[in-house]
Amino acid sequence: MNRPAPTKSRDAISEWDATREEAKTCHACDLWRDATQTVFGEGPVRAPLMLVGEQPGDKEDRAGRPFVGPAGGMLDRALEEAGIARDKAYVTNAVKHFKFARRGKVRLHQKPDTAEIKACHPWLAREREIVKPALIVALGATAARALFGKPMTIGKSRGRILNWMLTPGP
């Protein structure tokens, strides 16, 4: 299990631990019923960079850790190309449970809806408050919607720096 690295504040680590434990029992939407577990973020509790994805995938749901499946491999390659050590970033998802449709034994990813994004918003907000990153990167439309509280056109906002503090999530 990857725990946040003690970087600056023992209180922040305690708060992160308590929030993560609380999130494990979240029933704010129905996704918890079919998911294996809550997948909370991980990384240093005072990381300068927070990466926010959409939701856990099948491998993340089974492992209980964010970005360990195919998207995690792609993220690791992108971070390496950018010269950013993954263990220096806090990685999380907008939605904390895996939403899927079963096709035989395969669980196929389904896009979270607005209610599910809103139900998980308090967890993402608490992660932001604890980590206090200097920069948050939304990895896709669902992450941007969770951060800004409205649908975002990725093509129009890709590569732009936006102030999420002016428009907090749902």
N, C-alpha and C. Protein backbone atom coordinates (compact mmCIF):
# COMPACT_ATOMS: atom_id res chain seq x y z
N MET A 1 0.86 -1.18 0.00
CA MET A 1 0.00 0.00 0.00
C MET A 1 0.89 1.23 0.00
N ASN A 2 0.64 2.15 -0.92
CA ASN A 2 1.39 3.40 -0.97
C ASN A 2 0.77 4.41 -0.04
N ARG A 3 1.48 4.81 0.98
CA ARG A 3 1.00 5.83 1.91
C ARG A 3 1.65 7.14 1.53
N PRO A 4 1.05 8.25 1.90
CA PRO A 4 1.67 9.52 1.57
C PRO A 4 3.02 9.62 2.27
N ALA A 5 3.97 10.17 1.56
CA ALA A 5 5.30 10.35 2.16
C ALA A 5 5.25 11.50 3.15
N PRO A 6 5.85 11.32 4.33
CA PRO A 6 5.87 12.42 5.29
C PRO A 6 6.77 13.53 4.75
N THR A 7 6.16 14.62 4.33
CA THR A 7 6.95 15.68 3.73
C THR A 7 7.04 16.90 4.63
N LYS A 8 5.92 17.45 5.06
CA LYS A 8 5.98 18.67 5.85
C LYS A 8 5.18 18.62 7.13
N SER A 9 4.07 17.93 7.13
CA SER A 9 3.18 18.08 8.27
C SER A 9 2.60 16.76 8.74
N ARG A 10 2.90 16.41 9.97
CA ARG A 10 2.33 15.21 10.58
C ARG A 10 0.81 15.35 10.64
N ASP A 11 0.31 16.57 10.90
CA ASP A 11 -1.13 16.80 10.95
C ASP A 11 -1.78 16.51 9.60
N ALA A 12 -1.13 16.90 8.51
CA ALA A 12 -1.66 16.65 7.17
C ALA A 12 -1.73 15.15 6.90
N ILE A 13 -0.73 14.41 7.32
CA ILE A 13 -0.74 12.97 7.13
C ILE A 13 -1.88 12.34 7.93
N SER A 14 -2.05 12.78 9.16
CA SER A 14 -3.15 12.27 9.99
C SER A 14 -4.50 12.59 9.36
N GLU A 15 -4.64 13.80 8.85
CA GLU A 15 -5.89 14.20 8.20
C GLU A 15 -6.13 13.37 6.94
N TRP A 16 -5.06 13.14 6.17
CA TRP A 16 -5.18 12.32 4.96
C TRP A 16 -5.60 10.90 5.33
N ASP A 17 -4.94 10.31 6.33
CA ASP A 17 -5.29 8.96 6.77
C ASP A 17 -6.76 8.87 7.19
N ALA A 18 -7.21 9.84 7.97
CA ALA A 18 -8.59 9.85 8.45
C ALA A 18 -9.58 10.00 7.29
N THR A 19 -9.27 10.87 6.35
CA THR A 19 -10.14 11.09 5.19
C THR A 19 -10.20 9.84 4.32
N ARG A 20 -9.06 9.22 4.10
CA ARG A 20 -9.02 7.98 3.32
C ARG A 20 -9.87 6.89 3.99
N GLU A 21 -9.75 6.74 5.29
CA GLU A 21 -10.54 5.74 6.01
C GLU A 21 -12.03 6.05 5.90
N GLU A 22 -12.38 7.31 6.03
CA GLU A 22 -13.79 7.71 5.92
C GLU A 22 -14.33 7.42 4.53
N ALA A 23 -13.53 7.68 3.51
CA ALA A 23 -13.96 7.45 2.12
C ALA A 23 -14.25 5.98 1.84
N LYS A 24 -13.60 5.09 2.56
CA LYS A 24 -13.81 3.65 2.36
C LYS A 24 -15.26 3.23 2.62
N THR A 25 -15.99 4.01 3.41
CA THR A 25 -17.37 3.66 3.74
C THR A 25 -18.39 4.55 3.03
N CYS A 26 -17.94 5.27 2.01
CA CYS A 26 -18.84 6.19 1.30
C CYS A 26 -19.91 5.44 0.52
N HIS A 27 -21.16 5.88 0.73
CA HIS A 27 -22.31 5.34 0.00
C HIS A 27 -23.12 6.49 -0.60
N ALA A 28 -22.45 7.58 -0.97
CA ALA A 28 -23.14 8.77 -1.49
C ALA A 28 -23.79 8.53 -2.84
N CYS A 29 -23.33 7.54 -3.58
CA CYS A 29 -23.98 7.15 -4.83
C CYS A 29 -23.98 5.61 -4.86
N ASP A 30 -24.51 5.04 -5.91
CA ASP A 30 -24.63 3.57 -5.96
C ASP A 30 -23.38 2.85 -6.48
N LEU A 31 -22.36 3.58 -6.90
CA LEU A 31 -21.18 2.91 -7.47
C LEU A 31 -20.50 1.98 -6.48
N TRP A 32 -20.57 2.26 -5.20
CA TRP A 32 -19.92 1.43 -4.19
C TRP A 32 -20.44 -0.01 -4.19
N ARG A 33 -21.69 -0.18 -4.63
CA ARG A 33 -22.33 -1.51 -4.55
C ARG A 33 -21.60 -2.56 -5.39
N ASP A 34 -21.15 -2.19 -6.58
CA ASP A 34 -20.52 -3.15 -7.49
C ASP A 34 -19.00 -3.05 -7.51
N ALA A 35 -18.46 -1.93 -7.05
CA ALA A 35 -17.01 -1.77 -7.04
C ALA A 35 -16.39 -2.66 -5.97
N THR A 36 -15.15 -3.03 -6.17
CA THR A 36 -14.43 -3.85 -5.20
C THR A 36 -14.12 -3.05 -3.95
N GLN A 37 -13.74 -1.77 -4.14
CA GLN A 37 -13.34 -0.92 -3.03
C GLN A 37 -13.24 0.53 -3.48
N THR A 38 -13.13 1.41 -2.52
CA THR A 38 -12.86 2.81 -2.80
C THR A 38 -11.40 2.94 -3.20
N VAL A 39 -11.14 3.71 -4.25
CA VAL A 39 -9.76 3.96 -4.67
C VAL A 39 -9.47 5.43 -4.39
N PHE A 40 -8.76 5.67 -3.31
CA PHE A 40 -8.41 7.02 -2.89
C PHE A 40 -7.08 7.40 -3.54
N GLY A 41 -6.76 8.68 -3.52
CA GLY A 41 -5.51 9.14 -4.10
C GLY A 41 -4.31 8.70 -3.28
N GLU A 42 -3.12 8.91 -3.87
CA GLU A 42 -1.88 8.58 -3.16
C GLU A 42 -0.75 9.48 -3.63
N GLY A 43 0.22 9.61 -2.75
CA GLY A 43 1.39 10.42 -3.04
C GLY A 43 1.70 11.30 -1.85
N PRO A 44 2.70 12.15 -1.98
CA PRO A 44 3.06 13.03 -0.86
C PRO A 44 1.91 13.95 -0.49
N VAL A 45 1.66 14.11 0.81
CA VAL A 45 0.54 14.94 1.24
C VAL A 45 0.79 16.43 1.02
N ARG A 46 1.96 16.82 0.67
CA ARG A 46 2.24 18.21 0.32
C ARG A 46 2.92 18.28 -1.05
N ALA A 47 2.44 17.45 -1.96
CA ALA A 47 2.99 17.42 -3.31
C ALA A 47 2.71 18.74 -4.02
N PRO A 48 3.66 19.23 -4.78
CA PRO A 48 3.43 20.47 -5.54
C PRO A 48 2.50 20.25 -6.73
N LEU A 49 2.36 18.98 -7.16
CA LEU A 49 1.57 18.65 -8.34
C LEU A 49 0.53 17.60 -7.99
N MET A 50 -0.73 17.88 -8.37
CA MET A 50 -1.82 16.91 -8.21
C MET A 50 -2.34 16.59 -9.60
N LEU A 51 -2.42 15.30 -9.90
CA LEU A 51 -2.97 14.82 -11.16
C LEU A 51 -4.31 14.17 -10.88
N VAL A 52 -5.35 14.64 -11.55
CA VAL A 52 -6.71 14.15 -11.31
C VAL A 52 -7.23 13.46 -12.56
N GLY A 53 -7.50 12.17 -12.45
CA GLY A 53 -8.09 11.41 -13.54
C GLY A 53 -9.59 11.30 -13.38
N GLU A 54 -10.19 10.50 -14.23
CA GLU A 54 -11.65 10.36 -14.24
C GLU A 54 -12.14 9.49 -13.08
N GLN A 55 -11.75 8.22 -13.10
CA GLN A 55 -12.20 7.23 -12.12
C GLN A 55 -11.26 6.05 -12.19
N PRO A 56 -11.28 5.20 -11.18
CA PRO A 56 -10.46 4.00 -11.26
C PRO A 56 -10.96 3.09 -12.38
N GLY A 57 -10.04 2.35 -12.97
CA GLY A 57 -10.40 1.32 -13.93
C GLY A 57 -10.45 -0.02 -13.24
N ASP A 58 -10.56 -1.07 -14.02
CA ASP A 58 -10.65 -2.42 -13.47
C ASP A 58 -9.44 -2.78 -12.61
N LYS A 59 -8.25 -2.53 -13.11
CA LYS A 59 -7.03 -2.89 -12.35
C LYS A 59 -6.91 -2.05 -11.08
N GLU A 60 -7.27 -0.77 -11.15
CA GLU A 60 -7.22 0.10 -9.97
C GLU A 60 -8.24 -0.35 -8.94
N ASP A 61 -9.42 -0.71 -9.39
CA ASP A 61 -10.47 -1.18 -8.48
C ASP A 61 -10.02 -2.44 -7.74
N ARG A 62 -9.37 -3.32 -8.42
CA ARG A 62 -8.91 -4.57 -7.79
C ARG A 62 -7.71 -4.32 -6.86
N ALA A 63 -6.82 -3.39 -7.26
CA ALA A 63 -5.61 -3.11 -6.46
C ALA A 63 -5.87 -2.10 -5.34
N GLY A 64 -6.90 -1.27 -5.50
CA GLY A 64 -7.17 -0.23 -4.49
C GLY A 64 -6.22 0.95 -4.59
N ARG A 65 -5.59 1.12 -5.74
CA ARG A 65 -4.62 2.20 -5.95
C ARG A 65 -4.89 2.88 -7.29
N PRO A 66 -4.73 4.19 -7.38
CA PRO A 66 -4.97 4.90 -8.63
C PRO A 66 -3.84 4.71 -9.64
N PHE A 67 -4.20 4.68 -10.90
CA PHE A 67 -3.25 4.70 -12.01
C PHE A 67 -2.24 3.56 -11.98
N VAL A 68 -2.73 2.32 -11.81
CA VAL A 68 -1.85 1.16 -11.87
C VAL A 68 -2.16 0.29 -13.09
N GLY A 69 -3.20 0.64 -13.84
CA GLY A 69 -3.57 -0.10 -15.04
C GLY A 69 -2.97 0.52 -16.28
N PRO A 70 -3.59 0.29 -17.43
CA PRO A 70 -3.07 0.83 -18.69
C PRO A 70 -2.91 2.36 -18.68
N ALA A 71 -3.87 3.07 -18.12
CA ALA A 71 -3.75 4.54 -18.05
C ALA A 71 -2.58 4.94 -17.15
N GLY A 72 -2.33 4.16 -16.13
CA GLY A 72 -1.19 4.42 -15.25
C GLY A 72 0.13 4.25 -15.97
N GLY A 73 0.21 3.23 -16.83
CA GLY A 73 1.41 3.04 -17.64
C GLY A 73 1.65 4.21 -18.57
N MET A 74 0.56 4.69 -19.18
CA MET A 74 0.67 5.85 -20.07
C MET A 74 1.08 7.09 -19.27
N LEU A 75 0.50 7.26 -18.09
CA LEU A 75 0.86 8.39 -17.23
C LEU A 75 2.33 8.32 -16.83
N ASP A 76 2.79 7.14 -16.45
CA ASP A 76 4.20 6.97 -16.07
C ASP A 76 5.14 7.36 -17.21
N ARG A 77 4.81 6.95 -18.43
CA ARG A 77 5.65 7.30 -19.59
C ARG A 77 5.63 8.81 -19.83
N ALA A 78 4.46 9.43 -19.72
CA ALA A 78 4.36 10.88 -19.93
C ALA A 78 5.14 11.65 -18.86
N LEU A 79 5.03 11.21 -17.61
CA LEU A 79 5.77 11.87 -16.54
C LEU A 79 7.27 11.72 -16.74
N GLU A 80 7.69 10.53 -17.15
CA GLU A 80 9.12 10.30 -17.39
C GLU A 80 9.62 11.23 -18.51
N GLU A 81 8.85 11.33 -19.60
CA GLU A 81 9.23 12.22 -20.71
C GLU A 81 9.34 13.66 -20.25
N ALA A 82 8.46 14.05 -19.30
CA ALA A 82 8.45 15.42 -18.80
C ALA A 82 9.50 15.64 -17.71
N GLY A 83 10.17 14.57 -17.29
CA GLY A 83 11.17 14.70 -16.24
C GLY A 83 10.58 14.87 -14.85
N ILE A 84 9.37 14.34 -14.66
CA ILE A 84 8.70 14.44 -13.36
C ILE A 84 8.66 13.06 -12.71
N ALA A 85 9.18 12.95 -11.51
CA ALA A 85 9.13 11.69 -10.78
C ALA A 85 7.72 11.47 -10.26
N ARG A 86 7.13 10.34 -10.58
CA ARG A 86 5.76 10.07 -10.14
C ARG A 86 5.61 10.14 -8.63
N ASP A 87 6.64 9.73 -7.90
CA ASP A 87 6.52 9.75 -6.44
C ASP A 87 6.59 11.15 -5.84
N LYS A 88 6.73 12.15 -6.70
CA LYS A 88 6.70 13.55 -6.25
C LYS A 88 5.34 14.19 -6.52
N ALA A 89 4.45 13.45 -7.17
CA ALA A 89 3.11 13.95 -7.51
C ALA A 89 2.05 13.19 -6.70
N TYR A 90 0.95 13.85 -6.44
CA TYR A 90 -0.21 13.21 -5.81
C TYR A 90 -1.16 12.85 -6.94
N VAL A 91 -1.54 11.58 -7.04
CA VAL A 91 -2.43 11.13 -8.10
C VAL A 91 -3.75 10.66 -7.49
N THR A 92 -4.83 11.06 -8.13
CA THR A 92 -6.16 10.71 -7.63
C THR A 92 -7.13 10.71 -8.80
N ASN A 93 -8.38 10.45 -8.49
CA ASN A 93 -9.46 10.47 -9.49
C ASN A 93 -10.61 11.31 -8.98
N ALA A 94 -11.38 11.85 -9.92
CA ALA A 94 -12.56 12.63 -9.58
C ALA A 94 -13.60 11.74 -8.90
N VAL A 95 -13.77 10.53 -9.40
CA VAL A 95 -14.72 9.56 -8.87
C VAL A 95 -13.92 8.43 -8.22
N LYS A 96 -14.33 8.01 -7.05
CA LYS A 96 -13.53 7.08 -6.25
C LYS A 96 -13.90 5.60 -6.39
N HIS A 97 -14.97 5.30 -7.11
CA HIS A 97 -15.36 3.90 -7.35
C HIS A 97 -15.41 3.65 -8.85
N PHE A 98 -15.14 2.42 -9.23
CA PHE A 98 -15.13 2.00 -10.62
C PHE A 98 -16.56 1.82 -11.12
N LYS A 99 -16.91 2.54 -12.19
CA LYS A 99 -18.21 2.37 -12.83
C LYS A 99 -17.98 1.52 -14.08
N PHE A 100 -18.75 0.45 -14.18
CA PHE A 100 -18.52 -0.47 -15.29
C PHE A 100 -19.82 -1.17 -15.68
N ALA A 101 -19.77 -1.75 -16.87
CA ALA A 101 -20.82 -2.65 -17.35
C ALA A 101 -20.17 -4.01 -17.53
N ARG A 102 -20.82 -5.03 -17.06
CA ARG A 102 -20.25 -6.38 -17.14
C ARG A 102 -20.60 -6.99 -18.51
N ARG A 103 -19.60 -7.51 -19.19
CA ARG A 103 -19.76 -8.24 -20.44
C ARG A 103 -19.11 -9.60 -20.25
N GLY A 104 -19.88 -10.54 -19.76
CA GLY A 104 -19.32 -11.83 -19.39
C GLY A 104 -18.46 -11.64 -18.16
N LYS A 105 -17.20 -12.05 -18.24
CA LYS A 105 -16.27 -11.88 -17.12
C LYS A 105 -15.56 -10.53 -17.15
N VAL A 106 -15.71 -9.81 -18.25
CA VAL A 106 -15.01 -8.54 -18.43
C VAL A 106 -15.85 -7.39 -17.86
N ARG A 107 -15.18 -6.47 -17.18
CA ARG A 107 -15.84 -5.27 -16.66
C ARG A 107 -15.39 -4.09 -17.52
N LEU A 108 -16.31 -3.56 -18.32
CA LEU A 108 -15.99 -2.47 -19.24
C LEU A 108 -16.29 -1.12 -18.60
N HIS A 109 -15.33 -0.25 -18.68
CA HIS A 109 -15.40 1.11 -18.14
C HIS A 109 -16.63 1.85 -18.67
N GLN A 110 -17.33 2.55 -17.79
CA GLN A 110 -18.46 3.40 -18.15
C GLN A 110 -18.17 4.80 -17.62
N LYS A 111 -18.54 5.82 -18.35
CA LYS A 111 -18.28 7.20 -17.92
C LYS A 111 -19.17 7.55 -16.73
N PRO A 112 -18.59 8.14 -15.68
CA PRO A 112 -19.41 8.57 -14.54
C PRO A 112 -20.39 9.67 -14.96
N ASP A 113 -21.57 9.67 -14.36
CA ASP A 113 -22.54 10.72 -14.67
C ASP A 113 -22.40 11.88 -13.68
N THR A 114 -23.15 12.92 -13.90
CA THR A 114 -23.06 14.13 -13.09
C THR A 114 -23.30 13.85 -11.61
N ALA A 115 -24.29 13.04 -11.29
CA ALA A 115 -24.60 12.73 -9.88
C ALA A 115 -23.43 12.02 -9.21
N GLU A 116 -22.77 11.12 -9.93
CA GLU A 116 -21.64 10.39 -9.37
C GLU A 116 -20.44 11.31 -9.16
N ILE A 117 -20.22 12.22 -10.09
CA ILE A 117 -19.14 13.20 -9.95
C ILE A 117 -19.41 14.09 -8.74
N LYS A 118 -20.66 14.54 -8.60
CA LYS A 118 -21.02 15.39 -7.46
C LYS A 118 -20.90 14.64 -6.13
N ALA A 119 -21.28 13.37 -6.13
CA ALA A 119 -21.21 12.58 -4.90
C ALA A 119 -19.77 12.44 -4.41
N CYS A 120 -18.83 12.36 -5.33
CA CYS A 120 -17.41 12.22 -4.96
C CYS A 120 -16.70 13.56 -4.76
N HIS A 121 -17.34 14.64 -5.11
CA HIS A 121 -16.68 15.94 -5.02
C HIS A 121 -16.13 16.25 -3.62
N PRO A 122 -16.84 15.94 -2.54
CA PRO A 122 -16.28 16.24 -1.22
C PRO A 122 -14.93 15.56 -0.97
N TRP A 123 -14.74 14.35 -1.51
CA TRP A 123 -13.46 13.66 -1.32
C TRP A 123 -12.35 14.37 -2.08
N LEU A 124 -12.63 14.75 -3.31
CA LEU A 124 -11.64 15.46 -4.11
C LEU A 124 -11.32 16.82 -3.48
N ALA A 125 -12.34 17.50 -2.98
CA ALA A 125 -12.13 18.80 -2.33
C ALA A 125 -11.25 18.63 -1.09
N ARG A 126 -11.49 17.58 -0.32
CA ARG A 126 -10.67 17.35 0.87
C ARG A 126 -9.24 17.00 0.50
N GLU A 127 -9.06 16.23 -0.55
CA GLU A 127 -7.71 15.92 -1.01
C GLU A 127 -6.98 17.22 -1.39
N ARG A 128 -7.67 18.09 -2.13
CA ARG A 128 -7.06 19.39 -2.51
C ARG A 128 -6.68 20.18 -1.27
N GLU A 129 -7.58 20.21 -0.28
CA GLU A 129 -7.31 20.98 0.95
C GLU A 129 -6.12 20.43 1.72
N ILE A 130 -5.98 19.13 1.76
CA ILE A 130 -4.88 18.51 2.50
C ILE A 130 -3.56 18.66 1.76
N VAL A 131 -3.56 18.33 0.47
CA VAL A 131 -2.32 18.34 -0.32
C VAL A 131 -1.84 19.76 -0.61
N LYS A 132 -2.75 20.66 -0.87
CA LYS A 132 -2.41 22.05 -1.20
C LYS A 132 -1.41 22.14 -2.36
N PRO A 133 -1.72 21.51 -3.48
CA PRO A 133 -0.77 21.54 -4.60
C PRO A 133 -0.66 22.93 -5.22
N ALA A 134 0.47 23.23 -5.78
CA ALA A 134 0.66 24.48 -6.51
C ALA A 134 -0.01 24.40 -7.87
N LEU A 135 -0.09 23.18 -8.42
CA LEU A 135 -0.65 22.97 -9.74
C LEU A 135 -1.49 21.70 -9.74
N ILE A 136 -2.68 21.78 -10.32
CA ILE A 136 -3.54 20.61 -10.49
C ILE A 136 -3.73 20.40 -11.98
N VAL A 137 -3.51 19.17 -12.44
CA VAL A 137 -3.70 18.85 -13.85
C VAL A 137 -4.91 17.92 -13.96
N ALA A 138 -5.91 18.37 -14.71
CA ALA A 138 -7.10 17.56 -14.98
C ALA A 138 -6.79 16.67 -16.17
N LEU A 139 -6.88 15.37 -15.97
CA LEU A 139 -6.58 14.41 -17.02
C LEU A 139 -7.88 13.95 -17.67
N GLY A 140 -8.49 14.84 -18.43
CA GLY A 140 -9.71 14.52 -19.14
C GLY A 140 -10.91 15.35 -18.71
N ALA A 141 -11.99 15.17 -19.46
CA ALA A 141 -13.19 15.98 -19.29
C ALA A 141 -13.89 15.75 -17.95
N THR A 142 -13.94 14.52 -17.49
CA THR A 142 -14.59 14.24 -16.20
C THR A 142 -13.83 14.90 -15.07
N ALA A 143 -12.51 14.82 -15.10
CA ALA A 143 -11.70 15.47 -14.07
C ALA A 143 -11.89 16.98 -14.11
N ALA A 144 -11.89 17.55 -15.29
CA ALA A 144 -12.10 19.00 -15.42
C ALA A 144 -13.48 19.38 -14.90
N ARG A 145 -14.48 18.59 -15.23
CA ARG A 145 -15.84 18.87 -14.75
C ARG A 145 -15.90 18.82 -13.22
N ALA A 146 -15.23 17.85 -12.63
CA ALA A 146 -15.22 17.73 -11.17
C ALA A 146 -14.52 18.93 -10.53
N LEU A 147 -13.47 19.41 -11.14
CA LEU A 147 -12.72 20.53 -10.58
C LEU A 147 -13.42 21.87 -10.78
N PHE A 148 -14.06 22.05 -11.93
CA PHE A 148 -14.66 23.34 -12.26
C PHE A 148 -16.16 23.39 -12.08
N GLY A 149 -16.80 22.24 -11.86
CA GLY A 149 -18.23 22.22 -11.59
C GLY A 149 -19.11 22.42 -12.80
N LYS A 150 -18.54 22.26 -13.97
CA LYS A 150 -19.31 22.42 -15.21
C LYS A 150 -18.61 21.65 -16.32
N PRO A 151 -19.36 21.27 -17.35
CA PRO A 151 -18.71 20.60 -18.48
C PRO A 151 -17.65 21.49 -19.10
N MET A 152 -16.53 20.89 -19.45
CA MET A 152 -15.42 21.62 -20.07
C MET A 152 -15.12 20.97 -21.42
N THR A 153 -14.87 21.81 -22.41
CA THR A 153 -14.45 21.31 -23.72
C THR A 153 -12.94 21.17 -23.68
N ILE A 154 -12.47 19.94 -23.71
CA ILE A 154 -11.04 19.69 -23.59
C ILE A 154 -10.26 20.36 -24.72
N GLY A 155 -10.78 20.32 -25.93
CA GLY A 155 -10.08 20.95 -27.05
C GLY A 155 -9.82 22.43 -26.84
N LYS A 156 -10.75 23.11 -26.17
CA LYS A 156 -10.59 24.55 -25.93
C LYS A 156 -9.70 24.85 -24.73
N SER A 157 -9.60 23.93 -23.78
CA SER A 157 -8.83 24.21 -22.57
C SER A 157 -7.52 23.44 -22.48
N ARG A 158 -7.27 22.51 -23.39
CA ARG A 158 -6.03 21.71 -23.36
C ARG A 158 -4.81 22.63 -23.36
N GLY A 159 -3.93 22.41 -22.40
CA GLY A 159 -2.68 23.15 -22.34
C GLY A 159 -2.79 24.54 -21.73
N ARG A 160 -3.99 24.95 -21.37
CA ARG A 160 -4.17 26.28 -20.77
C ARG A 160 -4.15 26.17 -19.26
N ILE A 161 -3.64 27.20 -18.62
CA ILE A 161 -3.66 27.26 -17.16
C ILE A 161 -4.93 28.01 -16.76
N LEU A 162 -5.78 27.34 -15.98
CA LEU A 162 -7.04 27.91 -15.53
C LEU A 162 -7.03 27.98 -14.01
N ASN A 163 -7.66 28.97 -13.45
CA ASN A 163 -7.70 29.12 -12.00
C ASN A 163 -8.92 28.38 -11.45
N TRP A 164 -8.72 27.17 -10.95
CA TRP A 164 -9.84 26.38 -10.42
C TRP A 164 -10.40 26.98 -9.14
N MET A 165 -9.64 27.81 -8.46
CA MET A 165 -10.11 28.41 -7.21
C MET A 165 -11.26 29.38 -7.46
N LEU A 166 -11.34 29.91 -8.68
CA LEU A 166 -12.43 30.84 -9.00
C LEU A 166 -13.73 30.09 -9.26
N THR A 167 -13.62 28.84 -9.65
CA THR A 167 -14.82 28.05 -9.97
C THR A 167 -14.70 26.67 -9.36
N PRO A 168 -14.83 26.56 -8.02
CA PRO A 168 -14.70 25.25 -7.40
C PRO A 168 -15.78 24.30 -7.88
N GLY A 169 -15.50 23.02 -7.82
CA GLY A 169 -16.37 21.97 -8.32
C GLY A 169 -17.81 22.04 -7.89
N PRO A 170 -18.56 20.98 -8.21
CA PRO A 170 -20.02 20.97 -8.02
C PRO A 170 -20.48 21.33 -6.63
